[in-house]
Amino acid sequence: MAAKYIIVGAGVAGVTACQAIREIDPKGEIRIFTEETYPFYSRMRLPEVVSSKLEPERLVVRGPAWFEEKEVFFCPGEGVKQLRLDPLGVISSKGEYGAQRLLLATGAYSFVPPIPGVELKGVFCLRTMADAINIRNQASSAKKAVLIGGGVLGLELGNALRLRGLEVTVVEVFERLLPRQTDPKAAEMLQAAMEAMGFRFHLGVQPKEIQGKNGKASALLLGDGGSLEADMFLISAGVRPRLELAKAAGIKTDKAILVNDKLETSLPHVYAAGDCVEYRGVYYGIWPAAEEQGRVAGLNMAGGEASYAGTVMSNQLKVLGIDLLAAGQTDPEGLLESEVIFDPKRSVYRKLVYKEDRIVGAILLGDISGHKKILEALEKGRSLGPLKGSVLGKLDSL
């Protein structure tokens, strides 16, 4: 069996590529494979399934009807086991398929640090819909949860458990929350606000061992000698790109699959996009980058002329009562020029970071108004002229 296009992975990169192909080629056969049984869903909203705010089907972005409308062969529950190079194609769990163009959008997996005891029952990671459902089921009878990792997804997951009535303790090896996205002042304010909600924190501490009873996790031993008992343990230590297929096929990789401006890999007619990709030395691992890369790859696969030029790193956190957006260079060391509004009474901290007369980074905590204009100026490298240093008070002029 042969298709004009094969896409391995049905996340945001793969499905966006599929949509882009159809803009140029309305009828060329497309097959899109995924190990998951759910169609394309919003991975960022998985904590809402954990909290039971939403049922799994509410997260679906593109269901079976969309693939039928686009005349795309959608293959859920059918993982690709191997790439075939001559002739080009894939070997899946159900058969072999040829292709003229192939996209690797294999995404990433949850990184599990080598802590003794991670294999015990009651230890979870959140990456897929199945993970979210498993965590929700365990949480229904739990009272205490320990979260290993204080990143964006981890804090949102912790809040989902808090909303279910669990006592949540966060263990983070860094001295502050969100060290890659915030500066010390923003992290301090965020921590204080979350402590007021009931979160507990152990910062600057190494998780040493997960201890168990009768094969089930029961306590986390800390590097400082302390111990935290809980009913469930959640690891949120970042992700790693899925490179098995690429490496086995001889595609060049470093931190992830290496691609050029057209999202082409080192093999002819093979493209890559999303969380499995490294572009100009940068590994993004964020939804906006995967979406942009998927679109560029899809257009080029269909014969278009599109180029990728990178994506501004940004993260937005929504924990009950707290808005936080961090983008670009947040300058935690205070080495660059910045403009700051600090209003402790309203728990608001707004900071723009400048290089010359351009915005290169932003932290908006407690008030993210104007963030679209700020992000646009950051992404486009807009010259601010006399507006520099007073942007936060003159957003209408931006």
Protein backbone atom coordinates (compact mmCIF):
# COMPACT_ATOMS: atom_id res chain seq x y z
CA MET A 1 0.00 0.00 0.00
CA ALA A 2 1.34 3.43 -0.89
CA ALA A 3 0.40 6.97 0.10
CA LYS A 4 1.63 10.29 -1.18
CA TYR A 5 2.22 11.50 2.38
CA ILE A 6 2.79 9.66 5.64
CA ILE A 7 2.78 11.46 8.99
CA VAL A 8 4.06 9.66 12.08
CA GLY A 9 2.40 11.26 15.09
CA ALA A 10 -1.02 12.88 15.50
CA GLY A 11 -0.17 15.69 17.92
CA VAL A 12 -0.21 19.38 17.09
CA ALA A 13 2.76 19.18 14.67
CA GLY A 14 1.41 16.20 12.73
CA VAL A 15 -2.18 17.43 12.46
CA THR A 16 -1.12 20.99 11.56
CA ALA A 17 1.10 19.54 8.81
CA CYS A 18 -1.86 17.53 7.57
CA GLN A 19 -3.97 20.67 7.37
CA ALA A 20 -1.19 22.57 5.57
CA ILE A 21 -0.80 19.80 2.98
CA ARG A 22 -4.51 20.03 2.20
CA GLU A 23 -4.18 23.76 1.48
CA ILE A 24 -1.98 22.90 -1.51
CA ASP A 25 -2.91 19.32 -2.34
CA PRO A 26 -6.64 18.65 -1.70
CA LYS A 27 -6.61 15.02 -2.85
CA GLY A 28 -3.14 13.48 -2.38
CA GLU A 29 -3.41 10.45 -0.10
CA ILE A 30 -2.39 11.15 3.51
CA ARG A 31 -1.97 8.54 6.22
CA ILE A 32 -1.37 9.69 9.79
CA PHE A 33 -0.34 7.17 12.44
CA THR A 34 -0.47 7.36 16.23
CA GLU A 35 0.01 4.87 19.04
CA GLU A 36 -2.68 6.63 21.04
CA THR A 37 -6.31 5.65 20.70
CA TYR A 38 -7.57 9.21 21.17
CA PRO A 39 -7.63 11.61 18.21
CA PHE A 40 -5.75 14.92 18.38
CA TYR A 41 -6.40 16.60 21.74
CA SER A 42 -5.08 19.57 23.69
CA ARG A 43 -2.18 18.18 25.70
CA MET A 44 -1.86 21.47 27.60
CA ARG A 45 -5.31 20.95 29.13
CA LEU A 46 -4.73 17.44 30.50
CA PRO A 47 -4.70 18.77 34.09
CA GLU A 48 -8.37 19.67 33.58
CA VAL A 49 -9.10 15.97 33.03
CA VAL A 50 -7.20 15.15 36.22
CA SER A 51 -9.28 17.67 38.18
CA SER A 52 -12.49 16.31 36.56
CA LYS A 53 -13.29 19.82 35.33
CA LEU A 54 -13.51 18.29 31.84
CA GLU A 55 -14.13 14.81 30.50
CA PRO A 56 -11.53 13.46 28.03
CA GLU A 57 -13.71 13.94 24.94
CA ARG A 58 -13.93 17.68 25.67
CA LEU A 59 -10.21 18.02 24.98
CA VAL A 60 -10.44 16.64 21.44
CA VAL A 61 -9.42 19.30 18.89
CA ARG A 62 -9.72 17.24 15.70
CA GLY A 63 -11.95 14.19 15.88
CA PRO A 64 -12.58 11.40 13.34
CA ALA A 65 -15.12 13.54 11.45
CA TRP A 66 -12.43 16.14 10.68
CA PHE A 67 -10.10 13.52 9.19
CA GLU A 68 -12.98 12.13 7.12
CA GLU A 69 -13.83 15.60 5.84
CA LYS A 70 -10.19 16.18 4.83
CA GLU A 71 -10.09 12.69 3.23
CA VAL A 72 -7.22 11.62 5.48
CA PHE A 73 -6.62 8.03 6.58
CA PHE A 74 -6.38 8.40 10.36
CA CYS A 75 -4.83 5.35 12.03
CA PRO A 76 -5.26 5.50 15.84
CA GLY A 77 -3.73 2.75 17.93
CA GLU A 78 -1.33 1.94 15.10
CA GLY A 79 2.22 2.82 16.05
CA VAL A 80 5.05 2.94 13.52
CA LYS A 81 7.80 0.45 14.36
CA GLN A 82 10.34 1.23 11.65
CA LEU A 83 11.05 3.57 8.75
CA ARG A 84 11.64 1.97 5.37
CA LEU A 85 14.13 3.88 3.25
CA ASP A 86 14.23 2.20 -0.17
CA PRO A 87 11.50 2.55 -1.21
CA LEU A 88 10.43 5.18 1.32
CA GLY A 89 7.73 4.14 3.76
CA VAL A 90 6.94 2.79 7.21
CA ILE A 91 6.32 -0.51 8.91
CA SER A 92 3.51 -0.16 11.43
CA SER A 93 2.01 -2.54 13.95
CA LYS A 94 -0.51 -3.55 11.28
CA GLY A 95 1.33 -3.45 7.95
CA GLU A 96 3.72 -1.75 5.53
CA TYR A 97 3.00 1.50 3.71
CA GLY A 98 4.94 3.35 1.03
CA ALA A 99 5.16 7.13 0.76
CA GLN A 100 6.56 9.88 -1.44
CA ARG A 101 7.00 12.28 1.48
CA LEU A 102 7.28 11.40 5.17
CA LEU A 103 6.99 13.53 8.31
CA LEU A 104 8.31 12.50 11.71
CA ALA A 105 6.18 14.18 14.38
CA THR A 106 6.90 11.61 17.07
CA GLY A 107 6.88 14.13 19.92
CA ALA A 108 8.46 13.52 23.31
CA TYR A 109 8.10 11.37 26.40
CA SER A 110 8.19 12.20 30.09
CA PHE A 111 11.69 12.13 31.52
CA VAL A 112 11.93 10.00 34.64
CA PRO A 113 15.09 10.73 36.67
CA PRO A 114 17.01 7.69 37.96
CA ILE A 115 15.51 7.74 41.44
CA PRO A 116 15.23 4.36 43.17
CA GLY A 117 11.58 3.38 43.49
CA VAL A 118 10.14 5.11 40.40
CA GLU A 119 8.86 1.72 39.20
CA LEU A 120 6.54 1.32 42.20
CA LYS A 121 2.78 1.50 41.87
CA GLY A 122 1.44 4.93 42.69
CA VAL A 123 4.17 6.80 40.77
CA PHE A 124 2.92 8.71 37.72
CA CYS A 125 3.93 11.05 34.90
CA LEU A 126 1.50 13.18 32.89
CA ARG A 127 2.02 13.19 29.14
CA THR A 128 -0.94 11.46 27.47
CA MET A 129 -4.68 11.19 27.88
CA ALA A 130 -4.20 7.70 29.30
CA ASP A 131 -1.84 9.17 31.92
CA ALA A 132 -4.43 11.78 32.90
CA ILE A 133 -7.15 9.17 33.33
CA ASN A 134 -4.88 6.93 35.42
CA ILE A 135 -3.89 9.84 37.67
CA ARG A 136 -7.52 10.88 38.08
CA ASN A 137 -8.53 7.36 39.04
CA GLN A 138 -5.78 7.14 41.67
CA ALA A 139 -6.57 10.62 43.01
CA SER A 140 -10.19 9.67 43.65
CA SER A 141 -9.11 7.72 46.75
CA ALA A 142 -5.96 9.67 47.69
CA LYS A 143 -5.46 12.33 50.35
CA LYS A 144 -1.84 13.39 49.87
CA ALA A 145 0.29 13.86 46.74
CA VAL A 146 3.97 14.67 46.32
CA LEU A 147 4.99 16.38 43.09
CA ILE A 148 8.62 16.02 42.00
CA GLY A 149 9.36 19.04 39.81
CA GLY A 150 8.14 22.64 39.95
CA GLY A 151 7.85 23.40 36.23
CA VAL A 152 4.83 24.79 34.38
CA LEU A 153 3.06 21.49 33.76
CA GLY A 154 3.92 20.23 37.23
CA LEU A 155 2.35 23.22 38.97
CA GLU A 156 -0.79 22.96 36.84
CA LEU A 157 -1.01 19.24 37.63
CA GLY A 158 -0.52 20.01 41.32
CA ASN A 159 -3.36 22.50 41.18
CA ALA A 160 -5.62 19.92 39.54
CA LEU A 161 -4.98 17.59 42.47
CA ARG A 162 -5.51 20.42 44.96
CA LEU A 163 -8.90 21.09 43.37
CA ARG A 164 -9.76 17.45 44.05
CA GLY A 165 -9.08 18.07 47.74
CA LEU A 166 -5.60 16.54 47.97
CA GLU A 167 -2.82 18.02 50.08
CA VAL A 168 -0.06 18.78 47.56
CA THR A 169 3.65 19.12 48.33
CA VAL A 170 6.09 20.22 45.61
CA VAL A 171 9.74 19.11 45.68
CA GLU A 172 12.04 21.12 43.38
CA VAL A 173 15.82 20.76 43.05
CA PHE A 174 16.21 24.45 42.16
CA GLU A 175 16.06 27.16 44.80
CA ARG A 176 12.94 28.73 43.29
CA LEU A 177 9.91 27.86 41.20
CA LEU A 178 10.06 28.06 37.40
CA PRO A 179 13.77 28.93 37.30
CA ARG A 180 13.82 28.90 33.49
CA GLN A 181 10.80 31.16 33.12
CA THR A 182 10.99 33.65 35.99
CA ASP A 183 13.32 35.86 37.99
CA PRO A 184 13.66 35.68 41.80
CA LYS A 185 10.99 38.33 42.51
CA ALA A 186 8.35 36.70 40.30
CA ALA A 187 9.15 33.26 41.73
CA GLU A 188 8.86 34.57 45.30
CA MET A 189 5.46 36.13 44.59
CA LEU A 190 4.19 33.02 42.82
CA GLN A 191 5.28 30.79 45.69
CA ALA A 192 3.61 33.04 48.28
CA ALA A 193 0.36 33.05 46.34
CA MET A 194 0.39 29.26 45.96
CA GLU A 195 1.23 28.74 49.63
CA ALA A 196 -1.84 30.82 50.44
CA MET A 197 -3.84 28.29 48.40
CA GLY A 198 -2.48 25.43 50.48
CA PHE A 199 0.54 24.23 48.49
CA ARG A 200 3.64 23.16 50.42
CA PHE A 201 7.14 23.49 48.97
CA HIS A 202 10.56 21.92 49.50
CA LEU A 203 12.94 23.91 47.28
CA GLY A 204 16.63 23.30 46.65
CA VAL A 205 16.24 19.68 47.74
CA GLN A 206 17.13 16.51 45.83
CA PRO A 207 14.63 13.63 45.72
CA LYS A 208 16.70 10.67 46.85
CA GLU A 209 14.44 7.61 46.88
CA ILE A 210 10.79 6.63 46.62
CA GLN A 211 10.12 4.08 49.31
CA GLY A 212 7.31 1.56 49.18
CA LYS A 213 5.23 -0.94 51.11
CA ASN A 214 3.98 -4.11 49.42
CA GLY A 215 5.01 -2.80 46.00
CA LYS A 216 3.23 0.56 46.37
CA ALA A 217 4.94 3.92 46.82
CA SER A 218 4.46 5.34 50.30
CA ALA A 219 7.16 7.97 50.98
CA LEU A 220 9.77 10.15 49.28
CA LEU A 221 13.17 10.29 50.98
CA LEU A 222 14.87 13.66 50.48
CA GLY A 223 18.54 14.47 50.14
CA ASP A 224 18.46 16.59 53.31
CA GLY A 225 17.32 13.58 55.33
CA GLY A 226 13.64 14.47 55.39
CA SER A 227 10.81 12.21 54.31
CA LEU A 228 7.39 12.94 52.79
CA GLU A 229 4.59 10.41 53.06
CA ALA A 230 1.85 10.40 50.43
CA ASP A 231 -0.69 8.24 48.61
CA MET A 232 0.61 9.13 45.15
CA PHE A 233 3.78 10.58 43.64
CA LEU A 234 3.97 12.53 40.39
CA ILE A 235 7.12 13.17 38.42
CA SER A 236 7.25 16.34 36.33
CA ALA A 237 10.91 16.55 35.35
CA GLY A 238 10.58 17.66 31.75
CA VAL A 239 10.52 15.69 28.51
CA ARG A 240 12.92 14.05 26.10
CA PRO A 241 12.41 13.80 22.32
CA ARG A 242 11.42 10.47 20.84
CA LEU A 243 14.29 9.62 18.51
CA GLU A 244 14.13 5.82 18.15
CA LEU A 245 12.77 5.80 14.58
CA ALA A 246 15.09 8.56 13.40
CA LYS A 247 18.23 7.03 14.88
CA ALA A 248 17.42 3.56 13.54
CA ALA A 249 17.02 5.06 10.06
CA GLY A 250 20.35 6.92 10.23
CA ILE A 251 18.80 10.40 10.39
CA LYS A 252 21.15 12.94 11.95
CA THR A 253 20.34 13.86 15.54
CA ASP A 254 21.90 15.78 18.40
CA LYS A 255 19.63 16.82 21.26
CA ALA A 256 16.79 15.96 18.86
CA ILE A 257 16.27 15.45 15.11
CA LEU A 258 18.27 18.05 13.19
CA VAL A 259 16.29 20.02 10.60
CA ASN A 260 16.90 22.95 8.26
CA ASP A 261 14.72 26.01 7.57
CA LYS A 262 12.35 23.86 5.50
CA LEU A 263 12.08 21.28 8.30
CA GLU A 264 13.91 18.72 6.15
CA THR A 265 16.01 16.08 7.89
CA SER A 266 19.30 14.64 6.63
CA LEU A 267 17.38 12.08 4.53
CA PRO A 268 15.72 13.16 1.27
CA HIS A 269 11.93 13.50 1.35
CA VAL A 270 11.87 12.99 5.14
CA TYR A 271 10.76 15.94 7.29
CA ALA A 272 10.40 16.39 11.05
CA ALA A 273 8.46 18.80 13.28
CA GLY A 274 7.39 19.32 16.87
CA ASP A 275 8.83 18.07 20.14
CA CYS A 276 11.19 15.63 18.37
CA VAL A 277 13.02 18.46 16.56
CA GLU A 278 16.10 20.60 17.17
CA TYR A 279 16.44 23.74 15.06
CA ARG A 280 19.66 25.76 14.98
CA GLY A 281 20.76 24.31 18.29
CA VAL A 282 17.46 25.05 20.05
CA TYR A 283 15.04 22.45 21.41
CA TYR A 284 11.68 24.15 21.94
CA GLY A 285 9.27 21.57 23.33
CA ILE A 286 6.35 24.03 23.35
CA TRP A 287 3.01 23.99 21.54
CA PRO A 288 3.47 27.21 19.45
CA ALA A 289 6.77 25.95 18.02
CA ALA A 290 5.28 22.56 17.14
CA GLU A 291 2.37 24.26 15.41
CA GLU A 292 4.60 26.59 13.38
CA GLN A 293 6.98 23.78 12.45
CA GLY A 294 4.11 21.49 11.44
CA ARG A 295 2.71 24.11 9.12
CA VAL A 296 6.06 24.81 7.43
CA ALA A 297 6.79 21.11 7.03
CA GLY A 298 3.35 20.39 5.58
CA LEU A 299 3.52 23.20 3.05
CA ASN A 300 6.95 22.11 1.87
CA MET A 301 5.96 18.44 1.67
CA ALA A 302 3.16 19.45 -0.71
CA GLY A 303 5.50 21.44 -2.95
CA GLY A 304 5.17 24.86 -1.35
CA GLU A 305 7.93 27.27 -0.38
CA ALA A 306 7.90 27.97 3.35
CA SER A 307 10.68 28.69 5.83
CA TYR A 308 10.87 28.39 9.60
CA ALA A 309 12.80 31.06 11.50
CA GLY A 310 12.38 29.94 15.10
CA THR A 311 9.78 30.62 17.80
CA VAL A 312 9.91 32.93 20.81
CA MET A 313 9.98 30.77 23.94
CA SER A 314 6.93 31.56 26.05
CA ASN A 315 4.95 29.86 28.81
CA GLN A 316 1.62 30.79 30.32
CA LEU A 317 0.51 29.43 33.68
CA LYS A 318 -3.04 29.54 34.96
CA VAL A 319 -3.40 28.39 38.55
CA LEU A 320 -6.61 29.40 40.29
CA GLY A 321 -6.34 33.13 40.87
CA ILE A 322 -2.85 33.49 39.38
CA ASP A 323 -1.94 34.52 35.84
CA LEU A 324 1.68 34.24 34.76
CA LEU A 325 3.21 34.72 31.34
CA ALA A 326 6.95 34.47 30.73
CA ALA A 327 8.59 34.91 27.34
CA GLY A 328 12.04 35.31 25.85
CA GLN A 329 14.97 36.36 28.05
CA THR A 330 13.61 36.92 31.56
CA ASP A 331 17.07 37.99 32.79
CA PRO A 332 17.00 36.50 36.31
CA GLU A 333 20.57 37.76 36.94
CA GLY A 334 19.56 41.38 36.28
CA LEU A 335 22.28 41.93 33.66
CA LEU A 336 20.08 43.70 31.09
CA GLU A 337 17.99 46.87 31.09
CA SER A 338 14.45 46.37 32.30
CA GLU A 339 11.19 48.17 32.99
CA VAL A 340 9.32 47.00 36.09
CA ILE A 341 5.94 47.63 37.68
CA PHE A 342 5.63 46.09 41.16
CA ASP A 343 2.34 46.37 43.03
CA PRO A 344 2.46 44.11 46.12
CA LYS A 345 -1.06 45.09 47.22
CA ARG A 346 -2.49 43.59 44.02
CA SER A 347 0.20 40.85 43.78
CA VAL A 348 1.23 42.24 40.41
CA TYR A 349 4.72 42.12 38.93
CA ARG A 350 5.28 43.19 35.32
CA LYS A 351 8.74 43.26 33.80
CA LEU A 352 10.03 43.92 30.29
CA VAL A 353 13.65 43.18 29.40
CA TYR A 354 15.42 45.27 26.76
CA LYS A 355 18.42 45.00 24.48
CA GLU A 356 19.11 48.32 22.83
CA ASP A 357 15.61 49.57 21.94
CA ARG A 358 13.91 46.19 21.55
CA ILE A 359 11.94 43.99 23.92
CA VAL A 360 13.73 40.64 24.33
CA GLY A 361 11.85 39.23 27.32
CA ALA A 362 8.84 39.64 29.56
CA ILE A 363 7.39 38.46 32.87
CA LEU A 364 3.75 39.31 33.57
CA LEU A 365 2.51 38.05 36.94
CA GLY A 366 -0.94 38.77 38.34
CA ASP A 367 -1.86 40.97 35.37
CA ILE A 368 -1.15 39.79 31.82
CA SER A 369 -3.09 42.56 30.09
CA GLY A 370 -1.47 43.67 26.86
CA HIS A 371 0.45 40.42 26.52
CA LYS A 372 -0.50 39.94 22.87
CA LYS A 373 0.98 43.32 21.90
CA ILE A 374 4.09 42.65 23.98
CA LEU A 375 4.63 39.21 22.45
CA GLU A 376 4.13 40.60 18.96
CA ALA A 377 6.75 43.32 19.56
CA LEU A 378 9.11 40.70 21.01
CA GLU A 379 8.65 38.24 18.14
CA LYS A 380 9.04 40.88 15.43
CA GLY A 381 12.00 42.59 17.10
CA ARG A 382 10.19 45.90 16.80
CA SER A 383 12.27 49.05 17.36
CA LEU A 384 10.65 51.05 20.17
CA GLY A 385 12.47 54.36 19.87
CA PRO A 386 11.38 56.86 22.57
CA LEU A 387 8.76 54.38 23.83
CA LYS A 388 11.49 52.23 25.38
CA GLY A 389 11.29 52.18 29.17
CA SER A 390 7.65 53.27 29.32
CA VAL A 391 5.91 50.54 27.34
CA LEU A 392 3.95 49.12 30.28
CA GLY A 393 2.26 52.46 30.84
CA LYS A 394 1.65 53.13 27.15
CA LEU A 395 0.53 49.79 25.72
CA ASP A 396 -1.96 51.53 23.42
CA SER A 397 1.03 53.12 21.66
CA LEU A 398 2.88 49.83 21.16
